Amino acid sequence: MDIETLGLRDRKKLQTRENISNQATRLFLEHGFDKVTIADVAAAAEVAKMTVTNYFPRKEDLALDLHDVFVDLLARVVREREPGESALAALRRAYLTAAAEQDPVVGFSGPEFATLINDSPALVARLREFHDEREQLLAATLAAETGTAATDITPRVAAAQLGGVHRVLFDETMRRTLAGQSNDEIATAITEYIGVAFDALTPSLGHYAVR
């Protein structure tokens, strides 16, 4: 939702959240994630510590501020797929678009931020949780979209395959970023890998969850 469409109270809340997130990111990039405290972030944002934790209950989420968008991404693409389009085709199309746009949600975060994550075991672990949560939500969405019985593991198997492909592509984007490649170079390589990865799933999922 665009900030102009929000009420005054909601705009202030959004601005406070963004200010906290921006100040936290600046401090993390300058000093490293592990050396910055919640108190440091609160002081930089000129808010109380409790305000920080109200918006970000976990310190890791101050750095990884796209949790909700990241976790919902695959499920949303499936929910919004076109008539006649399978879940696999919709996800392929969405990933090609994200790679072309060099979207940070799929890993185009830049070398400084990639290094910040890579150097912190806590952030690496939290990012792994993001992937797990995303896969679980995708499985639930596939089950709902296909009217699958609770005893059927097919949606979970499909989500594991689709989530796994996205995880591999995300990790490859991060690896190339840390290796010093430009976003343009990475986008070119990832676009090719998207074809390889999704083609590998076509025999099993090409006609699954067609709208």
N, C-alpha and C. Protein backbone atom coordinates (compact mmCIF):
# COMPACT_ATOMS: atom_id res chain seq x y z
N MET A 1 0.85 -1.20 0.00
CA MET A 1 0.00 0.00 0.00
C MET A 1 0.88 1.25 0.00
N ASP A 2 0.53 2.20 -0.86
CA ASP A 2 1.30 3.43 -0.94
C ASP A 2 1.07 4.27 0.31
N ILE A 3 2.13 4.94 0.76
CA ILE A 3 2.05 5.69 2.02
C ILE A 3 1.00 6.79 1.95
N GLU A 4 0.75 7.35 0.75
CA GLU A 4 -0.22 8.43 0.63
C GLU A 4 -1.64 7.95 0.90
N THR A 5 -1.90 6.65 0.76
CA THR A 5 -3.26 6.13 0.96
C THR A 5 -3.53 5.80 2.42
N LEU A 6 -2.52 5.89 3.29
CA LEU A 6 -2.68 5.55 4.69
C LEU A 6 -3.18 6.74 5.49
N GLY A 7 -3.82 6.45 6.62
CA GLY A 7 -4.21 7.50 7.54
C GLY A 7 -2.99 8.05 8.25
N LEU A 8 -3.16 9.17 8.95
CA LEU A 8 -2.04 9.84 9.62
C LEU A 8 -1.35 8.91 10.61
N ARG A 9 -2.12 8.21 11.42
CA ARG A 9 -1.53 7.33 12.44
C ARG A 9 -0.72 6.21 11.80
N ASP A 10 -1.28 5.61 10.75
CA ASP A 10 -0.58 4.52 10.07
C ASP A 10 0.66 5.03 9.34
N ARG A 11 0.58 6.25 8.80
CA ARG A 11 1.76 6.82 8.15
C ARG A 11 2.88 7.02 9.14
N LYS A 12 2.54 7.51 10.33
CA LYS A 12 3.56 7.73 11.35
C LYS A 12 4.18 6.42 11.79
N LYS A 13 3.36 5.39 11.91
CA LYS A 13 3.87 4.07 12.30
C LYS A 13 4.82 3.53 11.23
N LEU A 14 4.42 3.68 9.97
CA LEU A 14 5.26 3.20 8.88
C LEU A 14 6.57 3.97 8.82
N GLN A 15 6.50 5.29 9.01
CA GLN A 15 7.71 6.10 9.00
C GLN A 15 8.63 5.74 10.15
N THR A 16 8.05 5.48 11.33
CA THR A 16 8.87 5.06 12.48
C THR A 16 9.55 3.74 12.19
N ARG A 17 8.82 2.82 11.63
CA ARG A 17 9.38 1.51 11.31
C ARG A 17 10.52 1.63 10.30
N GLU A 18 10.29 2.42 9.26
CA GLU A 18 11.31 2.60 8.23
C GLU A 18 12.55 3.29 8.79
N ASN A 19 12.34 4.26 9.67
CA ASN A 19 13.47 4.95 10.29
C ASN A 19 14.31 4.00 11.13
N ILE A 20 13.64 3.17 11.92
CA ILE A 20 14.36 2.19 12.73
C ILE A 20 15.14 1.23 11.84
N SER A 21 14.48 0.73 10.81
CA SER A 21 15.13 -0.21 9.90
C SER A 21 16.33 0.42 9.19
N ASN A 22 16.17 1.66 8.73
CA ASN A 22 17.26 2.33 8.03
C ASN A 22 18.45 2.59 8.95
N GLN A 23 18.18 3.02 10.17
CA GLN A 23 19.26 3.27 11.11
C GLN A 23 19.96 1.98 11.49
N ALA A 24 19.18 0.91 11.67
CA ALA A 24 19.78 -0.38 12.00
C ALA A 24 20.68 -0.86 10.87
N THR A 25 20.20 -0.77 9.64
CA THR A 25 20.99 -1.21 8.50
C THR A 25 22.30 -0.42 8.41
N ARG A 26 22.21 0.88 8.61
CA ARG A 26 23.43 1.71 8.57
C ARG A 26 24.43 1.26 9.63
N LEU A 27 23.96 1.05 10.84
CA LEU A 27 24.86 0.62 11.91
C LEU A 27 25.43 -0.76 11.64
N PHE A 28 24.62 -1.67 11.16
CA PHE A 28 25.10 -3.02 10.88
C PHE A 28 26.18 -3.00 9.81
N LEU A 29 25.98 -2.20 8.77
CA LEU A 29 26.97 -2.12 7.70
C LEU A 29 28.26 -1.47 8.17
N GLU A 30 28.14 -0.52 9.09
CA GLU A 30 29.33 0.18 9.58
C GLU A 30 30.12 -0.65 10.60
N HIS A 31 29.40 -1.40 11.45
CA HIS A 31 30.07 -2.04 12.59
C HIS A 31 29.96 -3.56 12.61
N GLY A 32 29.11 -4.12 11.76
CA GLY A 32 28.87 -5.56 11.79
C GLY A 32 27.66 -5.86 12.66
N PHE A 33 26.92 -6.89 12.27
CA PHE A 33 25.65 -7.20 12.94
C PHE A 33 25.85 -7.52 14.42
N ASP A 34 26.84 -8.32 14.74
CA ASP A 34 27.00 -8.81 16.11
C ASP A 34 27.45 -7.73 17.09
N LYS A 35 28.06 -6.66 16.58
CA LYS A 35 28.58 -5.62 17.47
C LYS A 35 27.56 -4.52 17.78
N VAL A 36 26.45 -4.54 17.07
CA VAL A 36 25.43 -3.51 17.27
C VAL A 36 24.33 -4.05 18.19
N THR A 37 23.93 -3.27 19.17
CA THR A 37 22.88 -3.69 20.11
C THR A 37 21.55 -3.01 19.78
N ILE A 38 20.50 -3.53 20.37
CA ILE A 38 19.18 -2.90 20.22
C ILE A 38 19.23 -1.48 20.77
N ALA A 39 19.96 -1.29 21.86
CA ALA A 39 20.10 0.05 22.44
C ALA A 39 20.77 1.00 21.46
N ASP A 40 21.77 0.51 20.73
CA ASP A 40 22.44 1.34 19.72
C ASP A 40 21.45 1.78 18.64
N VAL A 41 20.62 0.85 18.20
CA VAL A 41 19.64 1.15 17.16
C VAL A 41 18.62 2.16 17.67
N ALA A 42 18.14 1.96 18.91
CA ALA A 42 17.17 2.87 19.50
C ALA A 42 17.74 4.29 19.59
N ALA A 43 18.98 4.40 20.01
CA ALA A 43 19.61 5.71 20.14
C ALA A 43 19.73 6.39 18.78
N ALA A 44 20.14 5.62 17.77
CA ALA A 44 20.31 6.20 16.43
C ALA A 44 18.97 6.64 15.84
N ALA A 45 17.91 5.86 16.13
CA ALA A 45 16.59 6.18 15.60
C ALA A 45 15.83 7.17 16.48
N GLU A 46 16.40 7.49 17.64
CA GLU A 46 15.80 8.42 18.60
C GLU A 46 14.43 7.92 19.07
N VAL A 47 14.39 6.63 19.42
CA VAL A 47 13.19 6.04 19.99
C VAL A 47 13.59 5.18 21.18
N ALA A 48 12.61 4.72 21.94
CA ALA A 48 12.89 3.85 23.09
C ALA A 48 13.22 2.44 22.60
N LYS A 49 13.97 1.70 23.43
CA LYS A 49 14.29 0.32 23.09
C LYS A 49 13.02 -0.49 22.87
N MET A 50 12.01 -0.23 23.70
CA MET A 50 10.75 -0.98 23.57
C MET A 50 10.08 -0.72 22.23
N THR A 51 10.24 0.50 21.71
CA THR A 51 9.68 0.81 20.41
C THR A 51 10.33 -0.04 19.33
N VAL A 52 11.65 -0.20 19.42
CA VAL A 52 12.36 -1.04 18.46
C VAL A 52 11.84 -2.47 18.51
N THR A 53 11.74 -3.02 19.72
CA THR A 53 11.31 -4.42 19.84
C THR A 53 9.83 -4.60 19.52
N ASN A 54 9.05 -3.55 19.66
CA ASN A 54 7.64 -3.65 19.25
C ASN A 54 7.52 -3.85 17.75
N TYR A 55 8.37 -3.18 16.99
CA TYR A 55 8.35 -3.31 15.54
C TYR A 55 9.15 -4.51 15.06
N PHE A 56 10.22 -4.82 15.78
CA PHE A 56 11.13 -5.90 15.38
C PHE A 56 11.45 -6.76 16.61
N PRO A 57 10.62 -7.76 16.90
CA PRO A 57 10.84 -8.58 18.09
C PRO A 57 12.18 -9.30 18.10
N ARG A 58 12.73 -9.58 16.91
CA ARG A 58 14.03 -10.24 16.84
C ARG A 58 15.05 -9.30 16.20
N LYS A 59 16.22 -9.26 16.76
CA LYS A 59 17.27 -8.39 16.23
C LYS A 59 17.58 -8.71 14.78
N GLU A 60 17.55 -10.00 14.43
CA GLU A 60 17.86 -10.40 13.06
C GLU A 60 16.92 -9.75 12.05
N ASP A 61 15.67 -9.53 12.47
CA ASP A 61 14.70 -8.96 11.53
C ASP A 61 14.90 -7.47 11.29
N LEU A 62 15.74 -6.84 12.10
CA LEU A 62 16.14 -5.47 11.80
C LEU A 62 17.00 -5.43 10.54
N ALA A 63 17.79 -6.47 10.35
CA ALA A 63 18.63 -6.55 9.15
C ALA A 63 17.87 -7.15 7.98
N LEU A 64 17.08 -8.18 8.27
CA LEU A 64 16.32 -8.86 7.23
C LEU A 64 14.88 -8.36 7.30
N ASP A 65 14.68 -7.16 6.81
CA ASP A 65 13.43 -6.43 7.01
C ASP A 65 12.33 -6.84 6.04
N LEU A 66 12.62 -7.76 5.10
CA LEU A 66 11.64 -8.14 4.10
C LEU A 66 10.99 -9.48 4.42
N HIS A 67 10.94 -9.83 5.71
CA HIS A 67 10.43 -11.14 6.11
C HIS A 67 9.07 -11.46 5.51
N ASP A 68 8.10 -10.59 5.71
CA ASP A 68 6.74 -10.89 5.27
C ASP A 68 6.66 -11.03 3.75
N VAL A 69 7.33 -10.14 3.03
CA VAL A 69 7.33 -10.19 1.57
C VAL A 69 8.02 -11.47 1.09
N PHE A 70 9.16 -11.79 1.70
CA PHE A 70 9.93 -12.97 1.31
C PHE A 70 9.12 -14.25 1.54
N VAL A 71 8.56 -14.39 2.73
CA VAL A 71 7.85 -15.62 3.09
C VAL A 71 6.60 -15.82 2.23
N ASP A 72 5.90 -14.75 1.91
CA ASP A 72 4.64 -14.85 1.17
C ASP A 72 4.84 -14.92 -0.35
N LEU A 73 6.05 -14.67 -0.83
CA LEU A 73 6.26 -14.48 -2.26
C LEU A 73 5.76 -15.65 -3.11
N LEU A 74 6.19 -16.87 -2.82
CA LEU A 74 5.83 -18.01 -3.66
C LEU A 74 4.34 -18.31 -3.57
N ALA A 75 3.81 -18.25 -2.35
CA ALA A 75 2.38 -18.49 -2.18
C ALA A 75 1.55 -17.45 -2.93
N ARG A 76 1.99 -16.20 -2.89
CA ARG A 76 1.25 -15.14 -3.58
C ARG A 76 1.25 -15.37 -5.08
N VAL A 77 2.41 -15.75 -5.63
CA VAL A 77 2.50 -16.01 -7.06
C VAL A 77 1.54 -17.13 -7.45
N VAL A 78 1.47 -18.16 -6.65
CA VAL A 78 0.56 -19.27 -6.94
C VAL A 78 -0.88 -18.81 -6.84
N ARG A 79 -1.21 -18.05 -5.82
CA ARG A 79 -2.58 -17.57 -5.66
C ARG A 79 -3.01 -16.69 -6.83
N GLU A 80 -2.06 -15.97 -7.42
CA GLU A 80 -2.38 -15.00 -8.47
C GLU A 80 -2.07 -15.52 -9.88
N ARG A 81 -1.80 -16.82 -10.02
CA ARG A 81 -1.44 -17.36 -11.34
C ARG A 81 -2.60 -17.18 -12.33
N GLU A 82 -2.26 -17.16 -13.61
CA GLU A 82 -3.24 -16.91 -14.65
C GLU A 82 -4.10 -18.15 -14.92
N PRO A 83 -5.29 -17.98 -15.48
CA PRO A 83 -6.10 -19.13 -15.88
C PRO A 83 -5.32 -20.02 -16.85
N GLY A 84 -5.34 -21.32 -16.60
CA GLY A 84 -4.62 -22.26 -17.44
C GLY A 84 -3.15 -22.39 -17.11
N GLU A 85 -2.67 -21.61 -16.14
CA GLU A 85 -1.25 -21.61 -15.79
C GLU A 85 -1.02 -22.52 -14.57
N SER A 86 0.02 -23.32 -14.64
CA SER A 86 0.38 -24.18 -13.51
C SER A 86 1.16 -23.37 -12.48
N ALA A 87 1.27 -23.93 -11.28
CA ALA A 87 2.08 -23.28 -10.25
C ALA A 87 3.53 -23.15 -10.71
N LEU A 88 4.04 -24.19 -11.35
CA LEU A 88 5.42 -24.17 -11.83
C LEU A 88 5.63 -23.06 -12.86
N ALA A 89 4.72 -22.94 -13.81
CA ALA A 89 4.85 -21.92 -14.86
C ALA A 89 4.76 -20.52 -14.26
N ALA A 90 3.86 -20.34 -13.31
CA ALA A 90 3.71 -19.02 -12.70
C ALA A 90 4.97 -18.64 -11.92
N LEU A 91 5.54 -19.59 -11.21
CA LEU A 91 6.74 -19.31 -10.42
C LEU A 91 7.95 -19.07 -11.33
N ARG A 92 8.04 -19.79 -12.43
CA ARG A 92 9.12 -19.54 -13.39
C ARG A 92 9.01 -18.12 -13.95
N ARG A 93 7.80 -17.76 -14.35
CA ARG A 93 7.57 -16.43 -14.93
C ARG A 93 7.94 -15.34 -13.92
N ALA A 94 7.53 -15.54 -12.67
CA ALA A 94 7.80 -14.54 -11.64
C ALA A 94 9.30 -14.43 -11.36
N TYR A 95 10.00 -15.57 -11.38
CA TYR A 95 11.44 -15.52 -11.09
C TYR A 95 12.19 -14.84 -12.23
N LEU A 96 11.79 -15.09 -13.46
CA LEU A 96 12.43 -14.42 -14.60
C LEU A 96 12.25 -12.91 -14.50
N THR A 97 11.07 -12.49 -14.09
CA THR A 97 10.81 -11.05 -13.91
C THR A 97 11.68 -10.49 -12.80
N ALA A 98 11.75 -11.21 -11.67
CA ALA A 98 12.55 -10.74 -10.53
C ALA A 98 14.03 -10.64 -10.89
N ALA A 99 14.53 -11.60 -11.67
CA ALA A 99 15.93 -11.56 -12.08
C ALA A 99 16.18 -10.38 -13.02
N ALA A 100 15.26 -10.14 -13.93
CA ALA A 100 15.40 -9.02 -14.87
C ALA A 100 15.39 -7.69 -14.13
N GLU A 101 14.58 -7.62 -13.06
CA GLU A 101 14.48 -6.39 -12.27
C GLU A 101 15.53 -6.32 -11.17
N GLN A 102 16.31 -7.40 -11.03
CA GLN A 102 17.36 -7.48 -9.99
C GLN A 102 16.78 -7.16 -8.62
N ASP A 103 15.74 -7.90 -8.30
CA ASP A 103 14.96 -7.70 -7.09
C ASP A 103 15.74 -8.17 -5.85
N PRO A 104 15.88 -7.33 -4.82
CA PRO A 104 16.57 -7.75 -3.60
C PRO A 104 15.94 -8.96 -2.92
N VAL A 105 14.63 -9.16 -3.11
CA VAL A 105 13.96 -10.28 -2.46
C VAL A 105 14.48 -11.62 -2.96
N VAL A 106 15.01 -11.68 -4.17
CA VAL A 106 15.56 -12.93 -4.67
C VAL A 106 17.09 -12.95 -4.58
N GLY A 107 17.66 -12.01 -3.83
CA GLY A 107 19.09 -12.09 -3.54
C GLY A 107 19.96 -10.99 -4.10
N PHE A 108 19.39 -10.06 -4.89
CA PHE A 108 20.20 -8.98 -5.46
C PHE A 108 20.35 -7.87 -4.41
N SER A 109 21.13 -8.16 -3.40
CA SER A 109 21.23 -7.28 -2.24
C SER A 109 22.45 -6.35 -2.27
N GLY A 110 23.39 -6.62 -3.19
CA GLY A 110 24.62 -5.84 -3.23
C GLY A 110 25.68 -6.46 -2.33
N PRO A 111 26.96 -6.21 -2.63
CA PRO A 111 28.06 -6.87 -1.91
C PRO A 111 28.12 -6.55 -0.42
N GLU A 112 27.83 -5.31 -0.03
CA GLU A 112 27.94 -4.96 1.38
C GLU A 112 26.93 -5.71 2.21
N PHE A 113 25.70 -5.77 1.73
CA PHE A 113 24.66 -6.45 2.49
C PHE A 113 24.86 -7.97 2.47
N ALA A 114 25.29 -8.50 1.33
CA ALA A 114 25.57 -9.94 1.25
C ALA A 114 26.67 -10.33 2.22
N THR A 115 27.68 -9.48 2.33
CA THR A 115 28.78 -9.75 3.28
C THR A 115 28.28 -9.67 4.72
N LEU A 116 27.43 -8.70 4.99
CA LEU A 116 26.84 -8.57 6.33
C LEU A 116 26.15 -9.86 6.74
N ILE A 117 25.34 -10.42 5.85
CA ILE A 117 24.64 -11.67 6.16
C ILE A 117 25.62 -12.82 6.28
N ASN A 118 26.51 -12.94 5.33
CA ASN A 118 27.44 -14.07 5.29
C ASN A 118 28.35 -14.12 6.52
N ASP A 119 28.68 -12.96 7.07
CA ASP A 119 29.60 -12.89 8.21
C ASP A 119 28.91 -13.11 9.55
N SER A 120 27.60 -13.25 9.55
CA SER A 120 26.87 -13.41 10.81
C SER A 120 26.14 -14.75 10.85
N PRO A 121 26.57 -15.69 11.67
CA PRO A 121 25.85 -16.97 11.79
C PRO A 121 24.38 -16.77 12.17
N ALA A 122 24.10 -15.75 12.97
CA ALA A 122 22.71 -15.50 13.38
C ALA A 122 21.84 -15.12 12.18
N LEU A 123 22.38 -14.29 11.27
CA LEU A 123 21.61 -13.89 10.10
C LEU A 123 21.48 -15.04 9.10
N VAL A 124 22.52 -15.82 8.96
CA VAL A 124 22.46 -16.99 8.07
C VAL A 124 21.37 -17.95 8.57
N ALA A 125 21.34 -18.17 9.88
CA ALA A 125 20.33 -19.06 10.45
C ALA A 125 18.93 -18.50 10.28
N ARG A 126 18.77 -17.19 10.48
CA ARG A 126 17.46 -16.57 10.34
C ARG A 126 16.98 -16.63 8.89
N LEU A 127 17.88 -16.43 7.95
CA LEU A 127 17.51 -16.51 6.54
C LEU A 127 17.07 -17.93 6.20
N ARG A 128 17.72 -18.92 6.79
CA ARG A 128 17.31 -20.31 6.58
C ARG A 128 15.88 -20.52 7.09
N GLU A 129 15.55 -19.90 8.21
CA GLU A 129 14.18 -19.98 8.73
C GLU A 129 13.18 -19.34 7.76
N PHE A 130 13.58 -18.24 7.13
CA PHE A 130 12.72 -17.59 6.13
C PHE A 130 12.36 -18.60 5.03
N HIS A 131 13.39 -19.29 4.53
CA HIS A 131 13.17 -20.27 3.46
C HIS A 131 12.22 -21.37 3.93
N ASP A 132 12.41 -21.84 5.15
CA ASP A 132 11.56 -22.91 5.68
C ASP A 132 10.11 -22.43 5.82
N GLU A 133 9.93 -21.22 6.35
CA GLU A 133 8.58 -20.67 6.51
C GLU A 133 7.91 -20.50 5.15
N ARG A 134 8.69 -20.06 4.17
CA ARG A 134 8.14 -19.85 2.83
C ARG A 134 7.67 -21.16 2.22
N GLU A 135 8.46 -22.21 2.40
CA GLU A 135 8.09 -23.52 1.87
C GLU A 135 6.81 -24.04 2.54
N GLN A 136 6.69 -23.85 3.84
CA GLN A 136 5.50 -24.30 4.57
C GLN A 136 4.25 -23.56 4.09
N LEU A 137 4.38 -22.25 3.90
CA LEU A 137 3.24 -21.47 3.42
C LEU A 137 2.87 -21.86 2.00
N LEU A 138 3.86 -22.14 1.17
CA LEU A 138 3.59 -22.58 -0.20
C LEU A 138 2.85 -23.91 -0.19
N ALA A 139 3.26 -24.83 0.68
CA ALA A 139 2.58 -26.13 0.76
C ALA A 139 1.12 -25.95 1.15
N ALA A 140 0.86 -25.09 2.13
CA ALA A 140 -0.52 -24.84 2.55
C ALA A 140 -1.33 -24.21 1.42
N THR A 141 -0.72 -23.33 0.67
CA THR A 141 -1.41 -22.67 -0.44
C THR A 141 -1.71 -23.66 -1.56
N LEU A 142 -0.75 -24.52 -1.88
CA LEU A 142 -0.97 -25.54 -2.91
C LEU A 142 -2.09 -26.49 -2.50
N ALA A 143 -2.12 -26.85 -1.23
CA ALA A 143 -3.18 -27.73 -0.74
C ALA A 143 -4.54 -27.06 -0.90
N ALA A 144 -4.62 -25.78 -0.56
CA ALA A 144 -5.88 -25.05 -0.68
C ALA A 144 -6.29 -24.88 -2.14
N GLU A 145 -5.32 -24.58 -2.99
CA GLU A 145 -5.62 -24.32 -4.40
C GLU A 145 -6.04 -25.58 -5.14
N THR A 146 -5.57 -26.75 -4.68
CA THR A 146 -5.90 -28.01 -5.36
C THR A 146 -6.96 -28.82 -4.62
N GLY A 147 -7.45 -28.29 -3.50
CA GLY A 147 -8.46 -29.00 -2.74
C GLY A 147 -7.99 -30.34 -2.22
N THR A 148 -6.74 -30.38 -1.80
CA THR A 148 -6.12 -31.63 -1.39
C THR A 148 -6.51 -32.00 0.03
N ALA A 149 -6.72 -33.28 0.27
CA ALA A 149 -7.03 -33.76 1.61
C ALA A 149 -5.81 -33.61 2.52
N ALA A 150 -6.06 -33.44 3.80
CA ALA A 150 -4.97 -33.23 4.76
C ALA A 150 -4.00 -34.40 4.80
N THR A 151 -4.46 -35.58 4.43
CA THR A 151 -3.60 -36.76 4.47
C THR A 151 -2.70 -36.90 3.24
N ASP A 152 -2.93 -36.08 2.23
CA ASP A 152 -2.15 -36.15 0.99
C ASP A 152 -0.88 -35.32 1.13
N ILE A 153 0.27 -35.94 0.89
CA ILE A 153 1.53 -35.20 1.04
C ILE A 153 1.96 -34.52 -0.25
N THR A 154 1.17 -34.66 -1.31
CA THR A 154 1.58 -34.09 -2.61
C THR A 154 1.91 -32.60 -2.53
N PRO A 155 1.08 -31.76 -1.88
CA PRO A 155 1.45 -30.34 -1.81
C PRO A 155 2.77 -30.10 -1.10
N ARG A 156 3.06 -30.88 -0.07
CA ARG A 156 4.33 -30.70 0.65
C ARG A 156 5.51 -31.14 -0.21
N VAL A 157 5.31 -32.22 -0.97
CA VAL A 157 6.38 -32.66 -1.87
C VAL A 157 6.63 -31.61 -2.95
N ALA A 158 5.55 -31.10 -3.52
CA ALA A 158 5.69 -30.07 -4.56
C ALA A 158 6.34 -28.81 -3.99
N ALA A 159 5.93 -28.41 -2.79
CA ALA A 159 6.51 -27.21 -2.18
C ALA A 159 7.98 -27.41 -1.87
N ALA A 160 8.36 -28.61 -1.47
CA ALA A 160 9.77 -28.89 -1.20
C ALA A 160 10.60 -28.75 -2.47
N GLN A 161 10.07 -29.23 -3.59
CA GLN A 161 10.79 -29.12 -4.85
C GLN A 161 10.86 -27.67 -5.32
N LEU A 162 9.74 -26.99 -5.29
CA LEU A 162 9.70 -25.60 -5.75
C LEU A 162 10.49 -24.68 -4.82
N GLY A 163 10.31 -24.88 -3.52
CA GLY A 163 11.08 -24.08 -2.57
C GLY A 163 12.56 -24.36 -2.67
N GLY A 164 12.92 -25.63 -2.93
CA GLY A 164 14.33 -25.97 -3.06
C GLY A 164 14.99 -25.29 -4.24
N VAL A 165 14.29 -25.24 -5.35
CA VAL A 165 14.81 -24.54 -6.54
C VAL A 165 15.03 -23.06 -6.23
N HIS A 166 14.08 -22.45 -5.56
CA HIS A 166 14.23 -21.04 -5.22
C HIS A 166 15.39 -20.83 -4.25
N ARG A 167 15.58 -21.75 -3.34
CA ARG A 167 16.68 -21.62 -2.38
C ARG A 167 18.02 -21.73 -3.09
N VAL A 168 18.14 -22.68 -4.02
CA VAL A 168 19.38 -22.85 -4.78
C VAL A 168 19.70 -21.61 -5.60
N LEU A 169 18.70 -21.07 -6.26
CA LEU A 169 18.92 -19.87 -7.08
C LEU A 169 19.27 -18.67 -6.22
N PHE A 170 18.62 -18.54 -5.07
CA PHE A 170 18.94 -17.45 -4.14
C PHE A 170 20.39 -17.58 -3.66
N ASP A 171 20.77 -18.79 -3.26
CA ASP A 171 22.14 -19.01 -2.77
C ASP A 171 23.17 -18.73 -3.86
N GLU A 172 22.84 -19.09 -5.10
CA GLU A 172 23.76 -18.83 -6.21
C GLU A 172 23.92 -17.33 -6.46
N THR A 173 22.83 -16.60 -6.32
CA THR A 173 22.89 -15.15 -6.46
C THR A 173 23.77 -14.54 -5.38
N MET A 174 23.61 -15.00 -4.15
CA MET A 174 24.44 -14.52 -3.05
C MET A 174 25.90 -14.89 -3.27
N ARG A 175 26.15 -16.12 -3.71
CA ARG A 175 27.53 -16.57 -3.92
C ARG A 175 28.23 -15.69 -4.96
N ARG A 176 27.54 -15.41 -6.04
CA ARG A 176 28.13 -14.59 -7.09
C ARG A 176 28.31 -13.14 -6.63
N THR A 177 27.39 -12.67 -5.81
CA THR A 177 27.53 -11.32 -5.26
C THR A 177 28.79 -11.23 -4.40
N LEU A 178 28.98 -12.20 -3.53
CA LEU A 178 30.16 -12.22 -2.65
C LEU A 178 31.45 -12.39 -3.45
N ALA A 179 31.34 -13.02 -4.62
CA ALA A 179 32.52 -13.21 -5.48
C ALA A 179 32.87 -11.96 -6.27
N GLY A 180 32.04 -10.92 -6.15
CA GLY A 180 32.35 -9.65 -6.79
C GLY A 180 31.71 -9.43 -8.15
N GLN A 181 30.80 -10.30 -8.56
CA GLN A 181 30.15 -10.09 -9.85
C GLN A 181 29.12 -8.97 -9.74
N SER A 182 28.92 -8.29 -10.84
CA SER A 182 27.93 -7.21 -10.88
C SER A 182 26.52 -7.81 -10.96
N ASN A 183 25.54 -7.00 -10.62
CA ASN A 183 24.16 -7.46 -10.72
C ASN A 183 23.78 -7.85 -12.14
N ASP A 184 24.30 -7.12 -13.12
CA ASP A 184 24.01 -7.47 -14.52
C ASP A 184 24.58 -8.84 -14.87
N GLU A 185 25.81 -9.10 -14.44
CA GLU A 185 26.41 -10.41 -14.70
C GLU A 185 25.62 -11.52 -14.01
N ILE A 186 25.23 -11.26 -12.79
CA ILE A 186 24.49 -12.27 -12.03
C ILE A 186 23.13 -12.53 -12.67
N ALA A 187 22.45 -11.47 -13.07
CA ALA A 187 21.13 -11.62 -13.68
C ALA A 187 21.20 -12.48 -14.95
N THR A 188 22.25 -12.28 -15.73
CA THR A 188 22.42 -13.07 -16.95
C THR A 188 22.59 -14.55 -16.62
N ALA A 189 23.46 -14.83 -15.65
CA ALA A 189 23.70 -16.23 -15.26
C ALA A 189 22.46 -16.85 -14.62
N ILE A 190 21.79 -16.12 -13.74
CA ILE A 190 20.63 -16.66 -13.04
C ILE A 190 19.48 -16.92 -14.00
N THR A 191 19.34 -16.07 -15.00
CA THR A 191 18.29 -16.29 -15.99
C THR A 191 18.48 -17.64 -16.68
N GLU A 192 19.71 -17.97 -17.00
CA GLU A 192 20.00 -19.29 -17.61
C GLU A 192 19.71 -20.41 -16.62
N TYR A 193 20.11 -20.21 -15.38
CA TYR A 193 19.90 -21.24 -14.35
C TYR A 193 18.41 -21.45 -14.05
N ILE A 194 17.63 -20.39 -14.15
CA ILE A 194 16.18 -20.53 -13.95
C ILE A 194 15.62 -21.54 -14.95
N GLY A 195 16.06 -21.43 -16.20
CA GLY A 195 15.62 -22.39 -17.21
C GLY A 195 16.02 -23.81 -16.86
N VAL A 196 17.26 -23.99 -16.45
CA VAL A 196 17.75 -25.33 -16.08
C VAL A 196 16.95 -25.88 -14.90
N ALA A 197 16.78 -25.06 -13.88
CA ALA A 197 16.14 -25.51 -12.64
C ALA A 197 14.67 -25.86 -12.86
N PHE A 198 13.94 -24.99 -13.52
CA PHE A 198 12.52 -25.23 -13.70
C PHE A 198 12.26 -26.31 -14.75
N ASP A 199 13.13 -26.43 -15.74
CA ASP A 199 12.99 -27.53 -16.69
C ASP A 199 13.12 -28.88 -15.99
N ALA A 200 13.97 -28.93 -14.97
CA ALA A 200 14.17 -30.19 -14.25
C ALA A 200 12.91 -30.62 -13.51
N LEU A 201 12.06 -29.65 -13.15
CA LEU A 201 10.83 -29.97 -12.42
C LEU A 201 9.63 -30.18 -13.33
N THR A 202 9.78 -29.86 -14.60
CA THR A 202 8.64 -29.92 -15.52
C THR A 202 8.02 -31.31 -15.64
N PRO A 203 8.81 -32.39 -15.73
CA PRO A 203 8.18 -33.71 -15.85
C PRO A 203 7.24 -34.05 -14.70
N SER A 204 7.58 -33.61 -13.49
CA SER A 204 6.75 -33.96 -12.34
C SER A 204 5.70 -32.91 -11.99
N LEU A 205 5.98 -31.63 -12.28
CA LEU A 205 5.09 -30.56 -11.83
C LEU A 205 4.51 -29.71 -12.95
N GLY A 206 4.82 -30.05 -14.19
CA GLY A 206 4.37 -29.22 -15.29
C GLY A 206 2.86 -29.09 -15.39
N HIS A 207 2.12 -30.10 -14.95
CA HIS A 207 0.66 -30.07 -15.05
C HIS A 207 0.02 -30.09 -13.67
N TYR A 208 0.79 -29.71 -12.66
CA TYR A 208 0.26 -29.71 -11.28
C TYR A 208 -0.26 -28.32 -10.91
N ALA A 209 -1.37 -28.29 -10.22
CA ALA A 209 -1.97 -27.04 -9.73
C ALA A 209 -2.18 -26.04 -10.87
N VAL A 210 -2.82 -26.53 -11.95
CA VAL A 210 -3.19 -25.66 -13.05
C VAL A 210 -4.49 -24.96 -12.70
N ARG A 211 -4.54 -23.67 -12.87
CA ARG A 211 -5.78 -22.93 -12.57
C ARG A 211 -6.78 -23.13 -13.70
